[in-house]
Amino acid sequence: MRNPGLQLDAAHVRALSASSSDFGRDLLAGLAQRPRSISPKYFYDAAGSRLFDAICELPEYYPTRTELAILSERAGEIAQQIGPHAEIVEFGAGSLRKVRLLLDALASPRRFVPIDISGEHLEDAASRLRADYPGLAVQPLVADYTRPFSLPPQLAGEASGPRVGFFPGSTLGNFDPDEALAFLQGAARVLRGGGLLIGVDLVKSPAMLHAAYNDARGITARFNLNLLARANAELGADFDLAGFEHAAFYNAPLQRIEMHLVSRAAQTVNLLGERLHFTEGETIHTENSHKFTVEGLRTLAARAGFGIGPVWTDKDRLFSVHWLPAAQ
């Protein structure tokens, strides 16, 4: 169903691409649909990336500290699976905190290519990493890893080792099942027969999940609302941030957290020359965070062409880190 006041056909979408950013084009297209939605990749401008880093430090948000503990405790075993002289490609690199545990354990890693959509945040993190790992070739790539991209050319004289993907943080859970499969298939092609180290959140108590996405300090709410602030700053929109509120809940049948922005009242927003009408209680669906079982992730990986390797979890089985080797 589409808004009768916003007739957005394919020609209109193509025309927008010539005059506005991908963000503007995708936001307008997403808000033309019913239910309204937008990809969570657009959370991560510089402000959004900083807010997400703050979320990772919250007491309610267990995924980051749990995954860090697994990587720290099992780094030696993981390094044995990867082998020496590896080239590491991190999808959705963020602050580059977790990869340090991996780099410290690996034998003579040759190159690190962090990929992220937020260029400012990525370059800051890459500069700090270069300073701390002077013998490592660090080549950040500003790109949307859900779309086709080319890795930077290797530096002159750089030997080629196994190419290994790193995809922590359960970011795979932001995709719907078909998108998750497509991502893994694309990663297998980029890694040209190498393996993938991936962290995914596990199915657990709905109460624990609810707390993780509705923190007492309201940082997650600010992160969600920053999407509208970004639209105002970059696209000249006039979203009233006080007119929307954060909502997150666990959809048990679909095994996913859903995040929404809820309109507090009937209101009209101007975006790229269009007037968007929101009714009271209408939502913008901003993110899914699917939760996995170990066997479910392994089944998905096998469908994408990976082999099945070791899996490491914490003692409470809140989170899992999987080594997916190239299929034999």
Protein backbone atom coordinates (compact mmCIF):
# COMPACT_ATOMS: atom_id res chain seq x y z
CA MET A 1 0.00 0.00 0.00
CA ARG A 2 1.26 3.47 -0.83
CA ASN A 3 0.35 6.90 0.46
CA PRO A 4 -2.04 8.44 -2.12
CA GLY A 5 -0.42 11.79 -1.42
CA LEU A 6 3.01 10.45 -2.34
CA GLN A 7 3.00 8.73 -5.73
CA LEU A 8 6.61 7.55 -6.07
CA ASP A 9 7.12 5.54 -9.24
CA ALA A 10 10.35 4.04 -10.58
CA ALA A 11 11.06 7.06 -12.79
CA HIS A 12 10.78 9.36 -9.78
CA VAL A 13 13.19 7.21 -7.78
CA ARG A 14 15.71 7.24 -10.65
CA ALA A 15 15.43 11.02 -10.94
CA LEU A 16 16.15 11.41 -7.24
CA SER A 17 19.39 9.47 -7.62
CA ALA A 18 20.80 12.26 -9.77
CA SER A 19 19.94 15.02 -7.30
CA SER A 20 20.27 13.52 -3.80
CA SER A 21 22.22 10.99 -1.81
CA ASP A 22 21.49 7.29 -1.54
CA PHE A 23 20.19 8.11 1.92
CA GLY A 24 17.65 10.59 0.60
CA ARG A 25 16.52 8.34 -2.20
CA ASP A 26 16.16 5.30 0.04
CA LEU A 27 14.48 7.24 2.85
CA LEU A 28 11.88 8.72 0.55
CA ALA A 29 11.19 5.35 -1.06
CA GLY A 30 10.97 3.65 2.33
CA LEU A 31 8.55 6.23 3.70
CA ALA A 32 6.35 5.87 0.61
CA GLN A 33 5.66 2.24 1.50
CA ARG A 34 3.27 0.74 4.03
CA PRO A 35 4.48 -0.13 6.52
CA ARG A 36 7.09 2.62 6.40
CA SER A 37 10.71 1.51 6.85
CA ILE A 38 14.34 2.44 6.29
CA SER A 39 17.52 0.38 6.25
CA PRO A 40 19.47 0.38 9.56
CA LYS A 41 22.68 1.04 7.65
CA TYR A 42 21.69 4.71 7.66
CA PHE A 43 22.02 4.89 11.44
CA TYR A 44 25.77 5.17 11.02
CA ASP A 45 26.70 8.73 10.26
CA ALA A 46 29.42 10.10 12.56
CA ALA A 47 26.95 10.95 15.35
CA GLY A 48 25.17 7.61 15.02
CA SER A 49 28.45 5.72 15.12
CA ARG A 50 29.42 7.51 18.34
CA LEU A 51 26.04 6.73 19.88
CA PHE A 52 26.39 3.07 18.95
CA ASP A 53 29.80 2.98 20.60
CA ALA A 54 28.10 4.34 23.74
CA ILE A 55 25.39 1.66 23.51
CA CYS A 56 28.10 -1.00 23.51
CA GLU A 57 29.22 0.20 26.97
CA LEU A 58 25.75 0.06 28.56
CA PRO A 59 25.17 -2.47 31.36
CA GLU A 60 22.00 -3.75 29.68
CA TYR A 61 23.68 -4.31 26.32
CA TYR A 62 25.32 -7.71 26.79
CA PRO A 63 26.30 -8.55 23.15
CA THR A 64 29.47 -6.46 22.91
CA ARG A 65 31.07 -7.42 26.21
CA THR A 66 30.08 -11.07 25.75
CA GLU A 67 31.55 -11.27 22.25
CA LEU A 68 34.71 -9.47 23.39
CA ALA A 69 35.11 -12.01 26.19
CA ILE A 70 34.73 -14.92 23.76
CA LEU A 71 37.26 -13.42 21.36
CA SER A 72 39.71 -12.73 24.19
CA GLU A 73 39.42 -16.19 25.74
CA ARG A 74 39.48 -18.09 22.45
CA ALA A 75 41.82 -15.94 20.37
CA GLY A 76 44.52 -18.60 20.25
CA GLU A 77 42.13 -21.28 19.01
CA ILE A 78 40.68 -18.90 16.44
CA ALA A 79 44.17 -17.96 15.20
CA GLN A 80 44.99 -21.65 14.70
CA GLN A 81 41.93 -22.01 12.46
CA ILE A 82 42.88 -18.95 10.38
CA GLY A 83 46.60 -19.65 10.01
CA PRO A 84 49.58 -17.33 9.38
CA HIS A 85 50.00 -14.35 7.03
CA ALA A 86 46.27 -13.70 6.75
CA GLU A 87 44.58 -10.81 5.01
CA ILE A 88 41.61 -9.71 7.15
CA VAL A 89 38.53 -8.04 5.65
CA GLU A 90 36.12 -6.65 8.25
CA PHE A 91 32.56 -5.96 7.11
CA GLY A 92 30.96 -3.01 8.93
CA ALA A 93 34.12 -2.20 10.82
CA GLY A 94 32.95 0.50 13.24
CA SER A 95 35.44 1.37 15.98
CA LEU A 96 37.84 -1.55 15.21
CA ARG A 97 37.90 -2.58 18.86
CA LYS A 98 37.23 -6.29 18.40
CA VAL A 99 39.66 -6.89 15.56
CA ARG A 100 42.56 -5.92 17.85
CA LEU A 101 42.04 -9.14 19.82
CA LEU A 102 42.26 -11.07 16.57
CA LEU A 103 45.31 -9.21 15.26
CA ASP A 104 47.17 -9.73 18.53
CA ALA A 105 46.68 -13.50 18.27
CA LEU A 106 47.39 -14.00 14.56
CA ALA A 107 50.79 -15.00 13.22
CA SER A 108 52.14 -12.19 11.00
CA PRO A 109 48.89 -10.83 9.52
CA ARG A 110 49.69 -9.09 6.21
CA ARG A 111 46.82 -6.69 5.53
CA PHE A 112 43.66 -5.38 7.16
CA VAL A 113 40.80 -3.89 5.10
CA PRO A 114 38.06 -2.44 7.29
CA ILE A 115 34.88 -1.61 5.35
CA ASP A 116 32.31 0.84 6.69
CA ILE A 117 29.70 3.25 5.39
CA SER A 118 30.73 6.05 7.79
CA GLY A 119 33.93 7.48 6.32
CA GLU A 120 34.81 9.95 9.10
CA HIS A 121 34.42 7.39 11.87
CA LEU A 122 36.29 4.75 9.86
CA GLU A 123 39.32 6.94 9.10
CA ASP A 124 39.63 7.98 12.74
CA ALA A 125 39.60 4.35 13.87
CA ALA A 126 41.99 3.26 11.10
CA SER A 127 44.48 6.00 12.01
CA ARG A 128 44.59 4.78 15.61
CA LEU A 129 45.05 1.20 14.43
CA ARG A 130 47.95 2.15 12.13
CA ALA A 131 49.71 3.82 15.04
CA ASP A 132 49.37 0.71 17.20
CA TYR A 133 50.23 -1.83 14.47
CA PRO A 134 52.98 -0.16 12.41
CA GLY A 135 53.88 -3.39 10.58
CA LEU A 136 50.32 -3.98 9.34
CA ALA A 137 49.03 -2.61 6.02
CA VAL A 138 45.74 -0.93 7.01
CA GLN A 139 43.62 0.07 4.00
CA PRO A 140 40.17 1.34 5.02
CA LEU A 141 37.43 1.22 2.42
CA VAL A 142 34.39 3.50 2.63
CA ALA A 143 31.66 1.39 1.03
CA ASP A 144 28.29 -0.23 1.54
CA TYR A 145 29.27 -3.87 1.93
CA THR A 146 25.73 -5.00 1.08
CA ARG A 147 26.37 -3.80 -2.49
CA PRO A 148 29.10 -4.82 -4.96
CA PHE A 149 32.50 -3.32 -4.16
CA SER A 150 36.16 -3.85 -5.01
CA LEU A 151 38.88 -4.26 -2.42
CA PRO A 152 41.83 -1.82 -2.57
CA PRO A 153 44.78 -3.14 -4.61
CA GLN A 154 47.49 -4.78 -2.57
CA LEU A 155 50.55 -2.69 -1.83
CA ALA A 156 53.64 -3.24 -3.95
CA GLY A 157 55.64 -6.22 -2.78
CA GLU A 158 52.86 -7.41 -0.47
CA ALA A 159 52.65 -11.21 -0.34
CA SER A 160 49.22 -12.75 -0.68
CA GLY A 161 47.97 -14.85 2.24
CA PRO A 162 44.61 -16.41 3.01
CA ARG A 163 41.78 -13.87 2.81
CA VAL A 164 39.58 -14.07 5.90
CA GLY A 165 36.37 -12.21 6.63
CA PHE A 166 35.51 -10.81 10.05
CA PHE A 167 31.86 -9.96 10.75
CA PRO A 168 31.30 -9.46 14.49
CA GLY A 169 28.49 -7.85 16.44
CA SER A 170 25.61 -10.00 15.12
CA THR A 171 25.16 -7.51 12.30
CA LEU A 172 23.96 -10.46 10.22
CA GLY A 173 20.81 -10.26 12.33
CA ASN A 174 19.91 -6.90 10.78
CA PHE A 175 19.18 -8.67 7.49
CA ASP A 176 16.03 -10.59 6.72
CA PRO A 177 16.66 -14.31 5.98
CA ASP A 178 17.01 -13.85 2.22
CA GLU A 179 19.34 -10.86 2.68
CA ALA A 180 21.44 -12.80 5.19
CA LEU A 181 21.87 -15.63 2.71
CA ALA A 182 22.77 -13.17 -0.06
CA PHE A 183 25.34 -11.45 2.17
CA LEU A 184 27.03 -14.75 3.06
CA GLN A 185 27.09 -15.79 -0.60
CA GLY A 186 28.66 -12.44 -1.53
CA ALA A 187 31.19 -12.72 1.29
CA ALA A 188 32.21 -16.16 0.03
CA ARG A 189 32.95 -14.61 -3.38
CA VAL A 190 34.93 -11.69 -1.92
CA LEU A 191 36.93 -14.05 0.27
CA ARG A 192 37.84 -16.16 -2.79
CA GLY A 193 37.86 -19.45 -0.94
CA GLY A 194 38.86 -18.09 2.45
CA GLY A 195 36.94 -18.44 5.69
CA LEU A 196 34.65 -16.16 7.69
CA LEU A 197 34.74 -15.46 11.43
CA ILE A 198 31.26 -14.29 12.40
CA GLY A 199 29.58 -13.39 15.67
CA VAL A 200 25.83 -13.87 16.11
CA ASP A 201 23.48 -13.28 19.02
CA LEU A 202 21.56 -16.30 20.28
CA VAL A 203 17.88 -16.80 21.10
CA LYS A 204 17.28 -16.08 24.80
CA SER A 205 14.91 -14.63 27.39
CA PRO A 206 12.62 -11.94 25.94
CA ALA A 207 13.10 -9.92 29.14
CA MET A 208 16.88 -9.77 28.63
CA LEU A 209 16.41 -8.80 25.01
CA HIS A 210 13.88 -6.09 25.89
CA ALA A 211 16.28 -4.53 28.40
CA ALA A 212 19.17 -4.55 25.93
CA TYR A 213 17.24 -2.42 23.41
CA ASN A 214 15.42 -0.18 25.91
CA ASP A 215 18.25 1.00 28.18
CA ALA A 216 17.54 3.11 31.24
CA ARG A 217 19.73 6.02 30.04
CA GLY A 218 17.87 6.30 26.74
CA ILE A 219 21.00 6.01 24.57
CA THR A 220 19.32 3.53 22.22
CA ALA A 221 16.39 5.92 21.87
CA ARG A 222 18.78 8.73 20.93
CA PHE A 223 20.50 6.41 18.43
CA ASN A 224 17.15 5.59 16.81
CA LEU A 225 16.01 9.23 16.70
CA ASN A 226 19.37 10.31 15.24
CA LEU A 227 18.14 8.87 11.94
CA LEU A 228 15.62 11.74 11.78
CA ALA A 229 18.22 14.28 12.91
CA ARG A 230 20.46 13.08 10.09
CA ALA A 231 17.60 13.55 7.58
CA ASN A 232 17.11 17.11 8.82
CA ALA A 233 20.83 17.93 8.62
CA GLU A 234 21.68 16.26 5.31
CA LEU A 235 18.43 16.41 3.37
CA GLY A 236 16.78 19.60 4.66
CA ALA A 237 13.85 17.65 6.13
CA ASP A 238 11.82 19.07 9.02
CA PHE A 239 11.20 16.07 11.26
CA ASP A 240 10.19 17.16 14.77
CA LEU A 241 12.27 14.81 16.90
CA ALA A 242 9.97 15.44 19.87
CA GLY A 243 7.10 14.23 17.70
CA PHE A 244 8.51 10.68 17.50
CA GLU A 245 9.50 8.17 20.15
CA HIS A 246 11.64 5.05 20.25
CA ALA A 247 9.98 1.64 20.52
CA ALA A 248 11.71 -1.74 20.60
CA PHE A 249 10.19 -5.16 21.30
CA TYR A 250 10.87 -8.86 20.79
CA ASN A 251 8.82 -10.53 18.07
CA ALA A 252 9.00 -14.10 19.38
CA PRO A 253 7.49 -15.91 16.34
CA LEU A 254 10.10 -14.29 14.08
CA GLN A 255 12.88 -14.49 16.70
CA ARG A 256 13.85 -10.86 16.26
CA ILE A 257 13.97 -7.53 18.04
CA GLU A 258 12.14 -4.84 16.08
CA MET A 259 12.97 -1.15 16.45
CA HIS A 260 10.52 1.53 15.36
CA LEU A 261 10.02 5.27 15.55
CA VAL A 262 6.43 6.00 16.57
CA SER A 263 4.62 9.18 15.61
CA ARG A 264 3.20 10.76 18.78
CA ALA A 265 0.48 12.65 16.90
CA ALA A 266 -0.88 13.31 13.43
CA GLN A 267 1.76 15.38 11.67
CA THR A 268 3.22 16.34 8.30
CA VAL A 269 6.92 16.22 7.40
CA ASN A 270 8.59 17.83 4.38
CA LEU A 271 11.31 15.74 2.72
CA LEU A 272 12.94 16.42 -0.67
CA GLY A 273 9.94 18.36 -1.93
CA GLU A 274 7.37 15.80 -0.75
CA ARG A 275 4.86 16.19 2.11
CA LEU A 276 4.63 13.04 4.21
CA HIS A 277 1.56 12.62 6.40
CA PHE A 278 1.85 10.54 9.58
CA THR A 279 -1.10 9.44 11.68
CA GLU A 280 -0.88 9.17 15.45
CA GLY A 281 0.76 5.86 16.35
CA GLU A 282 2.11 5.23 12.85
CA THR A 283 5.64 3.84 12.83
CA ILE A 284 8.84 3.87 10.81
CA HIS A 285 10.43 0.42 11.08
CA THR A 286 14.13 1.19 11.49
CA GLU A 287 15.78 -2.11 12.41
CA ASN A 288 15.40 -5.83 12.88
CA SER A 289 17.87 -7.76 14.99
CA HIS A 290 17.33 -11.46 14.36
CA LYS A 291 18.51 -13.94 16.96
CA PHE A 292 19.94 -17.32 15.98
CA THR A 293 20.41 -20.84 17.17
CA VAL A 294 23.80 -22.45 16.57
CA GLU A 295 22.29 -25.01 14.21
CA GLY A 296 20.27 -22.37 12.41
CA LEU A 297 23.36 -20.32 11.64
CA ARG A 298 25.28 -23.38 10.49
CA THR A 299 22.45 -24.39 8.16
CA LEU A 300 22.38 -20.89 6.66
CA ALA A 301 26.18 -20.88 6.22
CA ALA A 302 26.11 -24.24 4.47
CA ARG A 303 23.47 -22.95 2.05
CA ALA A 304 25.79 -20.01 1.27
CA GLY A 305 28.67 -22.31 0.39
CA PHE A 306 30.71 -22.30 3.61
CA GLY A 307 31.91 -25.31 5.53
CA ILE A 308 31.15 -25.90 9.19
CA GLY A 309 33.91 -25.21 11.69
CA PRO A 310 34.16 -24.69 15.44
CA VAL A 311 31.75 -22.50 17.39
CA TRP A 312 32.59 -20.72 20.63
CA THR A 313 30.01 -19.46 23.14
CA ASP A 314 30.01 -17.96 26.62
CA LYS A 315 29.00 -20.19 29.52
CA ASP A 316 25.43 -18.83 29.52
CA ARG A 317 25.08 -19.29 25.74
CA LEU A 318 24.10 -15.68 25.17
CA PHE A 319 26.32 -15.18 22.13
CA SER A 320 28.26 -17.28 19.64
CA VAL A 321 31.35 -16.86 17.43
CA HIS A 322 31.59 -19.22 14.44
CA TRP A 323 34.52 -20.13 12.21
CA LEU A 324 33.13 -20.88 8.76
CA PRO A 325 35.88 -22.30 6.54
CA ALA A 326 35.69 -22.44 2.79
CA ALA A 327 33.66 -25.46 1.72
CA GLN A 328 35.80 -28.40 0.66
